């Protein structure tokens, strides 16, 4: 829950908060994206790209090259289009400079997301003070899979109940809806409408 001072409790995020971010953002700049296909950042980048997000890799050592068909930039400030979310795939001590640079962008991004194992409370406070949402020590790839039931295909119990089939997205890839009924997150308007549509069609 969000305390009275407006700061998020970064030890525990409501599913509705995570779901709202993943449903809203369209363009994600991944700071620390790697071109090595055995790195976690590569897997996360590829996964989110295949699910329809506009992914922009940021890595000064690879600037000017391409990652999975996407041009790599050296810095956030060099990206020539608005960014909805900055995904920080670097060690915690680099999060504050990333946030400081993100706040110079016009328009500013809506979200700062720090990957698993990355937590910097000073960076989070600075971002939140300037009106940005913050997620720390979470992976958007994992959260997307958990909230969409996709991870359940690999044997992980997500406590998500649905009878709806996944929709095919691009090149035969199934994009799972994030608006599903979960014990932790409750229902959304979209899931309620979908359930009524299903019942009407029976």
C-alpha atoms as a PDB file:
ATOM      1  CA  UNK A   1       0.000   0.000   0.000  1.00  0.00           C
ATOM      2  CA  UNK A   2       1.026   3.623  -0.489  1.00  0.00           C
ATOM      3  CA  UNK A   3       1.736   5.455   2.821  1.00  0.00           C
ATOM      4  CA  UNK A   4       0.333   8.917   3.559  1.00  0.00           C
ATOM      5  CA  UNK A   5       3.583  10.566   2.476  1.00  0.00           C
ATOM      6  CA  UNK A   6       3.080   9.161  -1.030  1.00  0.00           C
ATOM      7  CA  UNK A   7       6.091   6.839  -0.950  1.00  0.00           C
ATOM      8  CA  UNK A   8       5.584   3.255  -2.070  1.00  0.00           C
ATOM      9  CA  UNK A   9       6.383   0.373   0.272  1.00  0.00           C
ATOM     10  CA  UNK A  10       9.178  -1.225  -1.722  1.00  0.00           C
ATOM     11  CA  UNK A  11       9.231  -4.397   0.332  1.00  0.00           C
ATOM     12  CA  UNK A  12       5.894  -5.534  -1.056  1.00  0.00           C
ATOM     13  CA  UNK A  13       4.049  -4.382  -4.173  1.00  0.00           C
ATOM     14  CA  UNK A  14       0.337  -4.976  -4.773  1.00  0.00           C
ATOM     15  CA  UNK A  15      -0.323  -6.956  -7.944  1.00  0.00           C
ATOM     16  CA  UNK A  16      -2.550  -4.095  -9.083  1.00  0.00           C
ATOM     17  CA  UNK A  17       0.436  -1.707  -8.959  1.00  0.00           C
ATOM     18  CA  UNK A  18       2.694  -3.973 -11.035  1.00  0.00           C
ATOM     19  CA  UNK A  19      -0.113  -4.872 -13.419  1.00  0.00           C
ATOM     20  CA  UNK A  20      -1.006  -1.219 -13.897  1.00  0.00           C
ATOM     21  CA  UNK A  21       2.572  -0.394 -14.907  1.00  0.00           C
ATOM     22  CA  UNK A  22       2.941  -3.298 -17.326  1.00  0.00           C
ATOM     23  CA  UNK A  23      -0.433  -2.538 -18.898  1.00  0.00           C
ATOM     24  CA  UNK A  24       0.323   1.179 -19.298  1.00  0.00           C
ATOM     25  CA  UNK A  25       3.912   1.478 -20.509  1.00  0.00           C
ATOM     26  CA  UNK A  26       4.681   0.935 -24.167  1.00  0.00           C
ATOM     27  CA  UNK A  27       8.286   2.121 -24.587  1.00  0.00           C
ATOM     28  CA  UNK A  28      10.983   0.715 -22.287  1.00  0.00           C
ATOM     29  CA  UNK A  29      14.631   1.792 -22.251  1.00  0.00           C
ATOM     30  CA  UNK A  30      16.792  -0.956 -20.747  1.00  0.00           C
ATOM     31  CA  UNK A  31      19.974   0.500 -19.248  1.00  0.00           C
ATOM     32  CA  UNK A  32      22.600  -2.226 -19.189  1.00  0.00           C
ATOM     33  CA  UNK A  33      21.124  -4.369 -21.960  1.00  0.00           C
ATOM     34  CA  UNK A  34      23.634  -6.969 -23.123  1.00  0.00           C
ATOM     35  CA  UNK A  35      24.136  -8.394 -26.606  1.00  0.00           C
ATOM     36  CA  UNK A  36      25.424 -11.653 -25.095  1.00  0.00           C
ATOM     37  CA  UNK A  37      22.642 -14.201 -25.393  1.00  0.00           C
ATOM     38  CA  UNK A  38      23.586 -15.899 -22.111  1.00  0.00           C
ATOM     39  CA  UNK A  39      23.015 -12.769 -20.002  1.00  0.00           C
ATOM     40  CA  UNK A  40      19.780 -12.204 -18.042  1.00  0.00           C
ATOM     41  CA  UNK A  41      19.382  -8.739 -19.554  1.00  0.00           C
ATOM     42  CA  UNK A  42      19.384 -10.250 -23.056  1.00  0.00           C
ATOM     43  CA  UNK A  43      16.672 -12.747 -22.102  1.00  0.00           C
ATOM     44  CA  UNK A  44      14.537 -10.054 -20.466  1.00  0.00           C
ATOM     45  CA  UNK A  45      15.000  -7.690 -23.408  1.00  0.00           C
ATOM     46  CA  UNK A  46      14.045 -10.367 -25.950  1.00  0.00           C
ATOM     47  CA  UNK A  47      11.051 -11.527 -23.910  1.00  0.00           C
ATOM     48  CA  UNK A  48       9.557  -8.048 -23.548  1.00  0.00           C
ATOM     49  CA  UNK A  49      10.274  -7.186 -27.185  1.00  0.00           C
ATOM     50  CA  UNK A  50       8.393 -10.299 -28.318  1.00  0.00           C
ATOM     51  CA  UNK A  51       5.404  -9.275 -26.231  1.00  0.00           C
ATOM     52  CA  UNK A  52       4.940  -6.040 -28.061  1.00  0.00           C
ATOM     53  CA  UNK A  53       6.842  -3.509 -25.975  1.00  0.00           C
ATOM     54  CA  UNK A  54       9.007  -0.966 -27.809  1.00  0.00           C
ATOM     55  CA  UNK A  55      12.402  -1.897 -26.381  1.00  0.00           C
ATOM     56  CA  UNK A  56      15.363   0.499 -26.542  1.00  0.00           C
ATOM     57  CA  UNK A  57      18.767  -0.843 -25.419  1.00  0.00           C
ATOM     58  CA  UNK A  58      21.164   1.507 -23.623  1.00  0.00           C
ATOM     59  CA  UNK A  59      24.801   0.445 -23.340  1.00  0.00           C
ATOM     60  CA  UNK A  60      27.704   2.868 -23.999  1.00  0.00           C
ATOM     61  CA  UNK A  61      30.041   0.015 -24.966  1.00  0.00           C
ATOM     62  CA  UNK A  62      27.706  -1.075 -27.765  1.00  0.00           C
ATOM     63  CA  UNK A  63      26.355   2.303 -28.903  1.00  0.00           C
ATOM     64  CA  UNK A  64      25.541   2.492 -32.590  1.00  0.00           C
ATOM     65  CA  UNK A  65      25.108  -1.257 -32.962  1.00  0.00           C
ATOM     66  CA  UNK A  66      21.842  -3.190 -32.977  1.00  0.00           C
ATOM     67  CA  UNK A  67      20.355  -5.596 -30.448  1.00  0.00           C
ATOM     68  CA  UNK A  68      17.663  -7.828 -31.922  1.00  0.00           C
ATOM     69  CA  UNK A  69      17.034  -5.195 -34.577  1.00  0.00           C
ATOM     70  CA  UNK A  70      16.875  -2.300 -32.096  1.00  0.00           C
ATOM     71  CA  UNK A  71      19.481   0.493 -32.211  1.00  0.00           C
ATOM     72  CA  UNK A  72      21.647   0.704 -29.082  1.00  0.00           C
ATOM     73  CA  UNK A  73      22.205   4.122 -27.490  1.00  0.00           C
ATOM     74  CA  UNK A  74      24.995   5.217 -25.166  1.00  0.00           C
ATOM     75  CA  UNK A  75      22.774   7.259 -22.844  1.00  0.00           C
ATOM     76  CA  UNK A  76      19.110   7.827 -22.111  1.00  0.00           C
ATOM     77  CA  UNK A  77      19.478  11.442 -23.244  1.00  0.00           C
ATOM     78  CA  UNK A  78      20.448  10.294 -26.754  1.00  0.00           C
ATOM     79  CA  UNK A  79      17.182   8.425 -27.339  1.00  0.00           C
ATOM     80  CA  UNK A  80      15.183  10.515 -29.843  1.00  0.00           C
ATOM     81  CA  UNK A  81      11.712   9.520 -28.643  1.00  0.00           C
ATOM     82  CA  UNK A  82       9.706   9.598 -25.400  1.00  0.00           C
ATOM     83  CA  UNK A  83      10.329   6.769 -22.930  1.00  0.00           C
ATOM     84  CA  UNK A  84       7.602   5.406 -20.669  1.00  0.00           C
ATOM     85  CA  UNK A  85       9.809   3.275 -18.416  1.00  0.00           C
ATOM     86  CA  UNK A  86      13.508   2.983 -17.610  1.00  0.00           C
ATOM     87  CA  UNK A  87      14.557  -0.569 -16.718  1.00  0.00           C
ATOM     88  CA  UNK A  88      17.807  -0.425 -14.713  1.00  0.00           C
ATOM     89  CA  UNK A  89      19.844  -3.565 -15.376  1.00  0.00           C
ATOM     90  CA  UNK A  90      22.953  -2.319 -13.604  1.00  0.00           C
ATOM     91  CA  UNK A  91      24.355  -2.598 -10.070  1.00  0.00           C
ATOM     92  CA  UNK A  92      22.563  -0.637  -7.351  1.00  0.00           C
ATOM     93  CA  UNK A  93      25.228   2.099  -7.098  1.00  0.00           C
ATOM     94  CA  UNK A  94      24.486   3.129 -10.708  1.00  0.00           C
ATOM     95  CA  UNK A  95      20.741   3.535 -10.163  1.00  0.00           C
ATOM     96  CA  UNK A  96      20.958   7.093  -8.798  1.00  0.00           C
ATOM     97  CA  UNK A  97      22.852   8.508 -11.822  1.00  0.00           C
ATOM     98  CA  UNK A  98      20.356   6.726 -14.109  1.00  0.00           C
ATOM     99  CA  UNK A  99      17.443   8.353 -12.288  1.00  0.00           C
ATOM    100  CA  UNK A 100      19.158  11.743 -12.358  1.00  0.00           C
ATOM    101  CA  UNK A 101      19.577  11.480 -16.129  1.00  0.00           C
ATOM    102  CA  UNK A 102      16.018  10.207 -16.595  1.00  0.00           C
ATOM    103  CA  UNK A 103      14.679  13.293 -14.811  1.00  0.00           C
ATOM    104  CA  UNK A 104      16.331  15.546 -17.407  1.00  0.00           C
ATOM    105  CA  UNK A 105      14.328  13.968 -20.229  1.00  0.00           C
ATOM    106  CA  UNK A 106      11.401  15.816 -21.750  1.00  0.00           C
ATOM    107  CA  UNK A 107       8.927  14.331 -21.284  1.00  0.00           C
ATOM    108  CA  UNK A 108      10.061  12.459 -18.195  1.00  0.00           C
ATOM    109  CA  UNK A 109       9.476   8.689 -18.073  1.00  0.00           C
ATOM    110  CA  UNK A 110       6.564   7.451 -15.971  1.00  0.00           C
ATOM    111  CA  UNK A 111       8.407   4.584 -14.264  1.00  0.00           C
ATOM    112  CA  UNK A 112      11.839   3.640 -12.934  1.00  0.00           C
ATOM    113  CA  UNK A 113      12.136  -0.152 -12.654  1.00  0.00           C
ATOM    114  CA  UNK A 114      15.187  -1.700 -10.976  1.00  0.00           C
ATOM    115  CA  UNK A 115      15.890  -5.327 -11.760  1.00  0.00           C
ATOM    116  CA  UNK A 116      16.149  -8.287  -9.387  1.00  0.00           C
ATOM    117  CA  UNK A 117      18.894  -7.657  -6.835  1.00  0.00           C
ATOM    118  CA  UNK A 118      18.907  -3.903  -7.530  1.00  0.00           C
ATOM    119  CA  UNK A 119      17.674  -1.634  -4.767  1.00  0.00           C
ATOM    120  CA  UNK A 120      18.659   1.983  -4.214  1.00  0.00           C
ATOM    121  CA  UNK A 121      16.359   3.842  -1.831  1.00  0.00           C
ATOM    122  CA  UNK A 122      17.940   7.224  -2.540  1.00  0.00           C
ATOM    123  CA  UNK A 123      17.302   6.784  -6.253  1.00  0.00           C
ATOM    124  CA  UNK A 124      13.739   5.644  -5.551  1.00  0.00           C
ATOM    125  CA  UNK A 125      13.060   8.648  -3.326  1.00  0.00           C
ATOM    126  CA  UNK A 126      14.394  11.057  -5.940  1.00  0.00           C
ATOM    127  CA  UNK A 127      12.223   9.485  -8.641  1.00  0.00           C
ATOM    128  CA  UNK A 128       9.094   9.463  -6.480  1.00  0.00           C
ATOM    129  CA  UNK A 129       9.652  13.047  -5.356  1.00  0.00           C
ATOM    130  CA  UNK A 130       9.537  13.971  -9.039  1.00  0.00           C
ATOM    131  CA  UNK A 131       6.303  12.093  -9.678  1.00  0.00           C
ATOM    132  CA  UNK A 132       7.663   8.831 -11.088  1.00  0.00           C
ATOM    133  CA  UNK A 133       6.520   5.361 -10.067  1.00  0.00           C
ATOM    134  CA  UNK A 134       9.261   3.042  -8.823  1.00  0.00           C
ATOM    135  CA  UNK A 135       9.706  -0.723  -8.679  1.00  0.00           C
ATOM    136  CA  UNK A 136      12.833  -2.254  -7.137  1.00  0.00           C
ATOM    137  CA  UNK A 137      14.268  -5.754  -6.905  1.00  0.00           C
ATOM    138  CA  UNK A 138      11.787  -7.170  -9.428  1.00  0.00           C
ATOM    139  CA  UNK A 139      12.091  -8.362 -13.031  1.00  0.00           C
ATOM    140  CA  UNK A 140       9.419  -7.191 -15.493  1.00  0.00           C
ATOM    141  CA  UNK A 141       9.866 -10.433 -17.441  1.00  0.00           C
ATOM    142  CA  UNK A 142       9.063 -12.513 -14.348  1.00  0.00           C
ATOM    143  CA  UNK A 143       6.242 -10.223 -13.248  1.00  0.00           C
ATOM    144  CA  UNK A 144       4.674 -10.268 -16.711  1.00  0.00           C
ATOM    145  CA  UNK A 145       4.853 -14.051 -16.792  1.00  0.00           C
ATOM    146  CA  UNK A 146       3.433 -14.375 -13.283  1.00  0.00           C
ATOM    147  CA  UNK A 147       0.520 -11.998 -13.799  1.00  0.00           C
ATOM    148  CA  UNK A 148      -0.365 -13.397 -17.224  1.00  0.00           C
ATOM    149  CA  UNK A 149      -0.220 -17.067 -16.106  1.00  0.00           C
ATOM    150  CA  UNK A 150       2.539 -17.647 -18.639  1.00  0.00           C
ATOM    151  CA  UNK A 151       4.927 -18.898 -15.963  1.00  0.00           C
ATOM    152  CA  UNK A 152       2.367 -21.551 -15.034  1.00  0.00           C
ATOM    153  CA  UNK A 153       3.211 -23.292 -18.299  1.00  0.00           C
ATOM    154  CA  UNK A 154       6.609 -24.007 -16.752  1.00  0.00           C
ATOM    155  CA  UNK A 155       5.165 -25.540 -13.630  1.00  0.00           C
ATOM    156  CA  UNK A 156       5.057 -22.538 -11.287  1.00  0.00           C
ATOM    157  CA  UNK A 157       1.798 -22.084  -9.369  1.00  0.00           C
ATOM    158  CA  UNK A 158       0.746 -18.480  -9.990  1.00  0.00           C
ATOM    159  CA  UNK A 159      -2.641 -18.827  -8.235  1.00  0.00           C
ATOM    160  CA  UNK A 160      -4.196 -17.432 -11.421  1.00  0.00           C
ATOM    161  CA  UNK A 161      -7.500 -18.891 -12.581  1.00  0.00           C
ATOM    162  CA  UNK A 162      -8.723 -18.501 -16.151  1.00  0.00           C
ATOM    163  CA  UNK A 163     -10.319 -20.496 -18.942  1.00  0.00           C
ATOM    164  CA  UNK A 164      -9.484 -18.007 -21.679  1.00  0.00           C
ATOM    165  CA  UNK A 165      -7.028 -18.984 -24.389  1.00  0.00           C
ATOM    166  CA  UNK A 166      -3.896 -16.943 -24.959  1.00  0.00           C
ATOM    167  CA  UNK A 167      -3.967 -14.619 -27.950  1.00  0.00           C
ATOM    168  CA  UNK A 168      -1.395 -15.032 -30.700  1.00  0.00           C
ATOM    169  CA  UNK A 169       0.877 -12.019 -30.958  1.00  0.00           C
ATOM    170  CA  UNK A 170       3.096 -11.436 -33.988  1.00  0.00           C
ATOM    171  CA  UNK A 171       5.177 -14.331 -35.388  1.00  0.00           C
ATOM    172  CA  UNK A 172       2.914 -16.891 -33.690  1.00  0.00           C
ATOM    173  CA  UNK A 173       3.930 -15.806 -30.172  1.00  0.00           C
ATOM    174  CA  UNK A 174       1.244 -15.999 -27.532  1.00  0.00           C
ATOM    175  CA  UNK A 175       0.815 -12.748 -25.658  1.00  0.00           C
ATOM    176  CA  UNK A 176      -0.930 -13.375 -22.369  1.00  0.00           C
ATOM    177  CA  UNK A 177      -3.398 -10.863 -21.001  1.00  0.00           C
ATOM    178  CA  UNK A 178      -2.320  -9.190 -17.779  1.00  0.00           C
ATOM    179  CA  UNK A 179      -5.935  -8.466 -16.822  1.00  0.00           C
ATOM    180  CA  UNK A 180      -6.643 -11.807 -15.204  1.00  0.00           C
ATOM    181  CA  UNK A 181      -8.322 -12.869 -11.991  1.00  0.00           C
ATOM    182  CA  UNK A 182      -5.757 -13.512  -9.266  1.00  0.00           C
ATOM    183  CA  UNK A 183      -6.203 -14.183  -5.585  1.00  0.00           C
ATOM    184  CA  UNK A 184      -3.695 -11.464  -4.767  1.00  0.00           C
ATOM    185  CA  UNK A 185      -4.813  -8.802  -7.218  1.00  0.00           C
ATOM    186  CA  UNK A 186      -8.571  -9.359  -7.493  1.00  0.00           C
ATOM    187  CA  UNK A 187     -10.470  -8.626 -10.681  1.00  0.00           C
ATOM    188  CA  UNK A 188     -10.277  -5.765 -13.120  1.00  0.00           C
ATOM    189  CA  UNK A 189     -12.989  -4.263 -15.319  1.00  0.00           C
ATOM    190  CA  UNK A 190     -11.479  -6.023 -18.312  1.00  0.00           C
ATOM    191  CA  UNK A 191     -11.671  -9.466 -16.718  1.00  0.00           C
ATOM    192  CA  UNK A 192     -15.241  -8.845 -15.581  1.00  0.00           C
ATOM    193  CA  UNK A 193     -16.260  -7.877 -19.124  1.00  0.00           C
ATOM    194  CA  UNK A 194     -14.442 -10.865 -20.587  1.00  0.00           C
ATOM    195  CA  UNK A 195     -16.196 -13.225 -18.190  1.00  0.00           C
ATOM    196  CA  UNK A 196     -19.604 -11.778 -19.118  1.00  0.00           C
ATOM    197  CA  UNK A 197     -18.778 -12.112 -22.812  1.00  0.00           C
ATOM    198  CA  UNK A 198     -17.833 -15.745 -22.301  1.00  0.00           C
ATOM    199  CA  UNK A 199     -21.036 -16.484 -20.432  1.00  0.00           C
ATOM    200  CA  UNK A 200     -23.143 -14.731 -23.081  1.00  0.00           C
ATOM    201  CA  UNK A 201     -21.516 -16.788 -25.821  1.00  0.00           C
ATOM    202  CA  UNK A 202     -22.242 -20.133 -24.171  1.00  0.00           C
END
